[in-house]
Structures are given as C-alpha cells and as structure tokens.
Amino acid sequence: MVLNYIDKHGSIKRAEVMDLCHLDRNQAYRMLVRMKEAGQIKQIGEHKGAVYERI
C-alpha cells in the first residue's frame, strides 16, 4: 500500500502511513525503517518534515 501511494503521489509522510495502514506512530516508524533497510524507499529530510520516496 505504501509503495502504491508513493507511485501515485510521489512521496509519503509517516502520518500518512499511519492513516493508510491503520498503524500507531511507532509501528509506522518501524515499517518505514524496514522499507529503507530493504532499499525500497529513501528518506528526504529529518524529524517532523521527513518524507519518503521510492529509490
């Protein structure tokens, strides 16, 4: 779902991952970390302003 969202919109924020996947803050963070480690996405920016894009 996250990758499909990025394909349609260009990027995604952690809050959007929380809404899209019905996850809490920590679960969304861990999902994004796993996706970064797997080489699926990259993080642009830091902290509250961070967005994630496909590699």
PDB file of N, CA and C in Angstrom:
ATOM      1  N   MET A   1       0.821  -1.195   0.000  1.00  0.00           N
ATOM      2  CA  MET A   1       0.000   0.000   0.000  1.00  0.00           C
ATOM      3  C   MET A   1       0.865   1.259   0.000  1.00  0.00           C
ATOM      4  N   VAL A   2       1.922   1.232   0.774  1.00  0.00           N
ATOM      5  CA  VAL A   2       2.788   2.405   0.881  1.00  0.00           C
ATOM      6  C   VAL A   2       3.459   2.692  -0.461  1.00  0.00           C
ATOM      7  N   LEU A   3       3.974   1.670  -1.102  1.00  0.00           N
ATOM      8  CA  LEU A   3       4.641   1.883  -2.396  1.00  0.00           C
ATOM      9  C   LEU A   3       3.653   2.346  -3.457  1.00  0.00           C
ATOM     10  N   ASN A   4       2.443   1.826  -3.446  1.00  0.00           N
ATOM     11  CA  ASN A   4       1.425   2.284  -4.387  1.00  0.00           C
ATOM     12  C   ASN A   4       1.097   3.754  -4.161  1.00  0.00           C
ATOM     13  N   TYR A   5       1.011   4.160  -2.889  1.00  0.00           N
ATOM     14  CA  TYR A   5       0.740   5.551  -2.553  1.00  0.00           C
ATOM     15  C   TYR A   5       1.865   6.446  -3.074  1.00  0.00           C
ATOM     16  N   ILE A   6       3.108   6.016  -2.864  1.00  0.00           N
ATOM     17  CA  ILE A   6       4.245   6.802  -3.341  1.00  0.00           C
ATOM     18  C   ILE A   6       4.221   6.907  -4.862  1.00  0.00           C
ATOM     19  N   ASP A   7       3.875   5.821  -5.541  1.00  0.00           N
ATOM     20  CA  ASP A   7       3.801   5.848  -7.005  1.00  0.00           C
ATOM     21  C   ASP A   7       2.772   6.870  -7.483  1.00  0.00           C
ATOM     22  N   LYS A   8       1.659   6.974  -6.788  1.00  0.00           N
ATOM     23  CA  LYS A   8       0.595   7.907  -7.194  1.00  0.00           C
ATOM     24  C   LYS A   8       0.905   9.349  -6.812  1.00  0.00           C
ATOM     25  N   HIS A   9       1.492   9.559  -5.624  1.00  0.00           N
ATOM     26  CA  HIS A   9       1.636  10.904  -5.079  1.00  0.00           C
ATOM     27  C   HIS A   9       3.078  11.413  -5.035  1.00  0.00           C
ATOM     28  N   GLY A  10       4.031  10.559  -5.312  1.00  0.00           N
ATOM     29  CA  GLY A  10       5.421  10.973  -5.346  1.00  0.00           C
ATOM     30  C   GLY A  10       6.175  10.786  -4.035  1.00  0.00           C
ATOM     31  N   SER A  11       5.487  10.919  -2.913  1.00  0.00           N
ATOM     32  CA  SER A  11       6.129  10.741  -1.608  1.00  0.00           C
ATOM     33  C   SER A  11       5.050  10.478  -0.560  1.00  0.00           C
ATOM     34  N   ILE A  12       5.505  10.125   0.650  1.00  0.00           N
ATOM     35  CA  ILE A  12       4.576   9.860   1.737  1.00  0.00           C
ATOM     36  C   ILE A  12       5.229  10.305   3.043  1.00  0.00           C
ATOM     37  N   LYS A  13       4.423  10.759   3.979  1.00  0.00           N
ATOM     38  CA  LYS A  13       4.880  11.120   5.315  1.00  0.00           C
ATOM     39  C   LYS A  13       4.469  10.026   6.284  1.00  0.00           C
ATOM     40  N   ARG A  14       5.117  10.009   7.442  1.00  0.00           N
ATOM     41  CA  ARG A  14       4.785   8.979   8.432  1.00  0.00           C
ATOM     42  C   ARG A  14       3.309   9.066   8.847  1.00  0.00           C
ATOM     43  N   ALA A  15       2.783  10.260   8.992  1.00  0.00           N
ATOM     44  CA  ALA A  15       1.370  10.412   9.380  1.00  0.00           C
ATOM     45  C   ALA A  15       0.449   9.799   8.335  1.00  0.00           C
ATOM     46  N   GLU A  16       0.823   9.898   7.071  1.00  0.00           N
ATOM     47  CA  GLU A  16       0.010   9.303   6.010  1.00  0.00           C
ATOM     48  C   GLU A  16       0.103   7.781   6.058  1.00  0.00           C
ATOM     49  N   VAL A  17       1.270   7.251   6.409  1.00  0.00           N
ATOM     50  CA  VAL A  17       1.420   5.801   6.584  1.00  0.00           C
ATOM     51  C   VAL A  17       0.515   5.336   7.732  1.00  0.00           C
ATOM     52  N   MET A  18       0.479   6.110   8.811  1.00  0.00           N
ATOM     53  CA  MET A  18      -0.367   5.769   9.955  1.00  0.00           C
ATOM     54  C   MET A  18      -1.832   5.678   9.536  1.00  0.00           C
ATOM     55  N   ASP A  19      -2.311   6.660   8.780  1.00  0.00           N
ATOM     56  CA  ASP A  19      -3.701   6.664   8.326  1.00  0.00           C
ATOM     57  C   ASP A  19      -3.974   5.550   7.324  1.00  0.00           C
ATOM     58  N   LEU A  20      -3.095   5.411   6.358  1.00  0.00           N
ATOM     59  CA  LEU A  20      -3.279   4.446   5.280  1.00  0.00           C
ATOM     60  C   LEU A  20      -3.300   3.009   5.791  1.00  0.00           C
ATOM     61  N   CYS A  21      -2.394   2.698   6.715  1.00  0.00           N
ATOM     62  CA  CYS A  21      -2.221   1.318   7.179  1.00  0.00           C
ATOM     63  C   CYS A  21      -2.827   1.064   8.557  1.00  0.00           C
ATOM     64  N   HIS A  22      -3.449   2.086   9.140  1.00  0.00           N
ATOM     65  CA  HIS A  22      -4.069   1.957  10.472  1.00  0.00           C
ATOM     66  C   HIS A  22      -3.043   1.499  11.509  1.00  0.00           C
ATOM     67  N   LEU A  23      -1.913   2.208  11.543  1.00  0.00           N
ATOM     68  CA  LEU A  23      -0.826   1.887  12.467  1.00  0.00           C
ATOM     69  C   LEU A  23      -0.646   3.027  13.460  1.00  0.00           C
ATOM     70  N   ASP A  24      -0.058   2.711  14.612  1.00  0.00           N
ATOM     71  CA  ASP A  24       0.296   3.792  15.523  1.00  0.00           C
ATOM     72  C   ASP A  24       1.645   4.362  15.097  1.00  0.00           C
ATOM     73  N   ARG A  25       2.066   5.404  15.780  1.00  0.00           N
ATOM     74  CA  ARG A  25       3.284   6.131  15.424  1.00  0.00           C
ATOM     75  C   ARG A  25       4.516   5.232  15.354  1.00  0.00           C
ATOM     76  N   ASN A  26       4.705   4.398  16.375  1.00  0.00           N
ATOM     77  CA  ASN A  26       5.882   3.521  16.421  1.00  0.00           C
ATOM     78  C   ASN A  26       5.845   2.442  15.350  1.00  0.00           C
ATOM     79  N   GLN A  27       4.675   1.875  15.103  1.00  0.00           N
ATOM     80  CA  GLN A  27       4.550   0.842  14.070  1.00  0.00           C
ATOM     81  C   GLN A  27       4.871   1.419  12.696  1.00  0.00           C
ATOM     82  N   ALA A  28       4.373   2.622  12.417  1.00  0.00           N
ATOM     83  CA  ALA A  28       4.641   3.263  11.132  1.00  0.00           C
ATOM     84  C   ALA A  28       6.137   3.551  10.987  1.00  0.00           C
ATOM     85  N   TYR A  29       6.754   4.017  12.061  1.00  0.00           N
ATOM     86  CA  TYR A  29       8.193   4.291  12.043  1.00  0.00           C
ATOM     87  C   TYR A  29       8.979   3.017  11.730  1.00  0.00           C
ATOM     88  N   ARG A  30       8.649   1.933  12.419  1.00  0.00           N
ATOM     89  CA  ARG A  30       9.368   0.669  12.197  1.00  0.00           C
ATOM     90  C   ARG A  30       9.166   0.156  10.772  1.00  0.00           C
ATOM     91  N   MET A  31       7.963   0.310  10.237  1.00  0.00           N
ATOM     92  CA  MET A  31       7.701  -0.120   8.864  1.00  0.00           C
ATOM     93  C   MET A  31       8.569   0.669   7.891  1.00  0.00           C
ATOM     94  N   LEU A  32       8.643   1.966   8.080  1.00  0.00           N
ATOM     95  CA  LEU A  32       9.444   2.799   7.190  1.00  0.00           C
ATOM     96  C   LEU A  32      10.928   2.473   7.315  1.00  0.00           C
ATOM     97  N   VAL A  33      11.402   2.199   8.517  1.00  0.00           N
ATOM     98  CA  VAL A  33      12.803   1.807   8.708  1.00  0.00           C
ATOM     99  C   VAL A  33      13.092   0.510   7.968  1.00  0.00           C
ATOM    100  N   ARG A  34      12.208  -0.469   8.093  1.00  0.00           N
ATOM    101  CA  ARG A  34      12.402  -1.754   7.386  1.00  0.00           C
ATOM    102  C   ARG A  34      12.430  -1.538   5.873  1.00  0.00           C
ATOM    103  N   MET A  35      11.546  -0.678   5.371  1.00  0.00           N
ATOM    104  CA  MET A  35      11.498  -0.415   3.935  1.00  0.00           C
ATOM    105  C   MET A  35      12.766   0.306   3.474  1.00  0.00           C
ATOM    106  N   LYS A  36      13.306   1.209   4.303  1.00  0.00           N
ATOM    107  CA  LYS A  36      14.573   1.875   3.971  1.00  0.00           C
ATOM    108  C   LYS A  36      15.703   0.860   3.935  1.00  0.00           C
ATOM    109  N   GLU A  37      15.773  -0.006   4.941  1.00  0.00           N
ATOM    110  CA  GLU A  37      16.832  -1.011   5.007  1.00  0.00           C
ATOM    111  C   GLU A  37      16.754  -1.998   3.844  1.00  0.00           C
ATOM    112  N   ALA A  38      15.553  -2.258   3.353  1.00  0.00           N
ATOM    113  CA  ALA A  38      15.363  -3.170   2.226  1.00  0.00           C
ATOM    114  C   ALA A  38      15.657  -2.496   0.883  1.00  0.00           C
ATOM    115  N   GLY A  39      15.927  -1.190   0.911  1.00  0.00           N
ATOM    116  CA  GLY A  39      16.248  -0.484  -0.321  1.00  0.00           C
ATOM    117  C   GLY A  39      15.044  -0.125  -1.163  1.00  0.00           C
ATOM    118  N   GLN A  40      13.865  -0.095  -0.563  1.00  0.00           N
ATOM    119  CA  GLN A  40      12.652   0.229  -1.309  1.00  0.00           C
ATOM    120  C   GLN A  40      12.377   1.719  -1.343  1.00  0.00           C
ATOM    121  N   ILE A  41      12.731   2.425  -0.276  1.00  0.00           N
ATOM    122  CA  ILE A  41      12.441   3.847  -0.178  1.00  0.00           C
ATOM    123  C   ILE A  41      13.663   4.581   0.381  1.00  0.00           C
ATOM    124  N   LYS A  42      13.658   5.900   0.233  1.00  0.00           N
ATOM    125  CA  LYS A  42      14.692   6.734   0.846  1.00  0.00           C
ATOM    126  C   LYS A  42      14.002   7.865   1.600  1.00  0.00           C
ATOM    127  N   GLN A  43      14.667   8.331   2.640  1.00  0.00           N
ATOM    128  CA  GLN A  43      14.132   9.401   3.466  1.00  0.00           C
ATOM    129  C   GLN A  43      14.700  10.725   3.003  1.00  0.00           C
ATOM    130  N   ILE A  44      13.812  11.703   2.848  1.00  0.00           N
ATOM    131  CA  ILE A  44      14.199  13.062   2.486  1.00  0.00           C
ATOM    132  C   ILE A  44      13.841  13.955   3.667  1.00  0.00           C
ATOM    133  N   GLY A  45      14.812  14.609   4.236  1.00  0.00           N
ATOM    134  CA  GLY A  45      14.570  15.465   5.391  1.00  0.00           C
ATOM    135  C   GLY A  45      14.655  14.681   6.682  1.00  0.00           C
ATOM    136  N   GLU A  46      14.411  15.396   7.786  1.00  0.00           N
ATOM    137  CA  GLU A  46      14.505  14.769   9.098  1.00  0.00           C
ATOM    138  C   GLU A  46      13.333  15.176   9.966  1.00  0.00           C
ATOM    139  N   HIS A  47      13.145  14.419  11.003  1.00  0.00           N
ATOM    140  CA  HIS A  47      12.147  14.677  12.046  1.00  0.00           C
ATOM    141  C   HIS A  47      10.752  14.854  11.452  1.00  0.00           C
ATOM    142  N   LYS A  48      10.046  15.861  11.903  1.00  0.00           N
ATOM    143  CA  LYS A  48       8.650  16.034  11.520  1.00  0.00           C
ATOM    144  C   LYS A  48       8.466  16.327  10.029  1.00  0.00           C
ATOM    145  N   GLY A  49       9.483  16.911   9.395  1.00  0.00           N
ATOM    146  CA  GLY A  49       9.374  17.263   7.983  1.00  0.00           C
ATOM    147  C   GLY A  49       9.801  16.158   7.033  1.00  0.00           C
ATOM    148  N   ALA A  50      10.140  15.000   7.536  1.00  0.00           N
ATOM    149  CA  ALA A  50      10.640  13.928   6.677  1.00  0.00           C
ATOM    150  C   ALA A  50       9.554  13.383   5.758  1.00  0.00           C
ATOM    151  N   VAL A  51       9.939  13.125   4.530  1.00  0.00           N
ATOM    152  CA  VAL A  51       9.072  12.441   3.580  1.00  0.00           C
ATOM    153  C   VAL A  51       9.871  11.275   3.007  1.00  0.00           C
ATOM    154  N   TYR A  52       9.172  10.331   2.448  1.00  0.00           N
ATOM    155  CA  TYR A  52       9.792   9.115   1.924  1.00  0.00           C
ATOM    156  C   TYR A  52       9.417   8.961   0.463  1.00  0.00           C
ATOM    157  N   GLU A  53      10.429   8.651  -0.358  1.00  0.00           N
ATOM    158  CA  GLU A  53      10.250   8.456  -1.789  1.00  0.00           C
ATOM    159  C   GLU A  53      10.829   7.111  -2.193  1.00  0.00           C
ATOM    160  N   ARG A  54      10.376   6.636  -3.336  1.00  0.00           N
ATOM    161  CA  ARG A  54      10.953   5.406  -3.891  1.00  0.00           C
ATOM    162  C   ARG A  54      12.367   5.665  -4.335  1.00  0.00           C
ATOM    163  N   ILE A  55      13.179   4.639  -4.264  1.00  0.00           N
ATOM    164  CA  ILE A  55      14.559   4.733  -4.767  1.00  0.00           C
ATOM    165  C   ILE A  55      14.544   4.451  -6.258  1.00  0.00           C
TER     166      ILE A  55
END
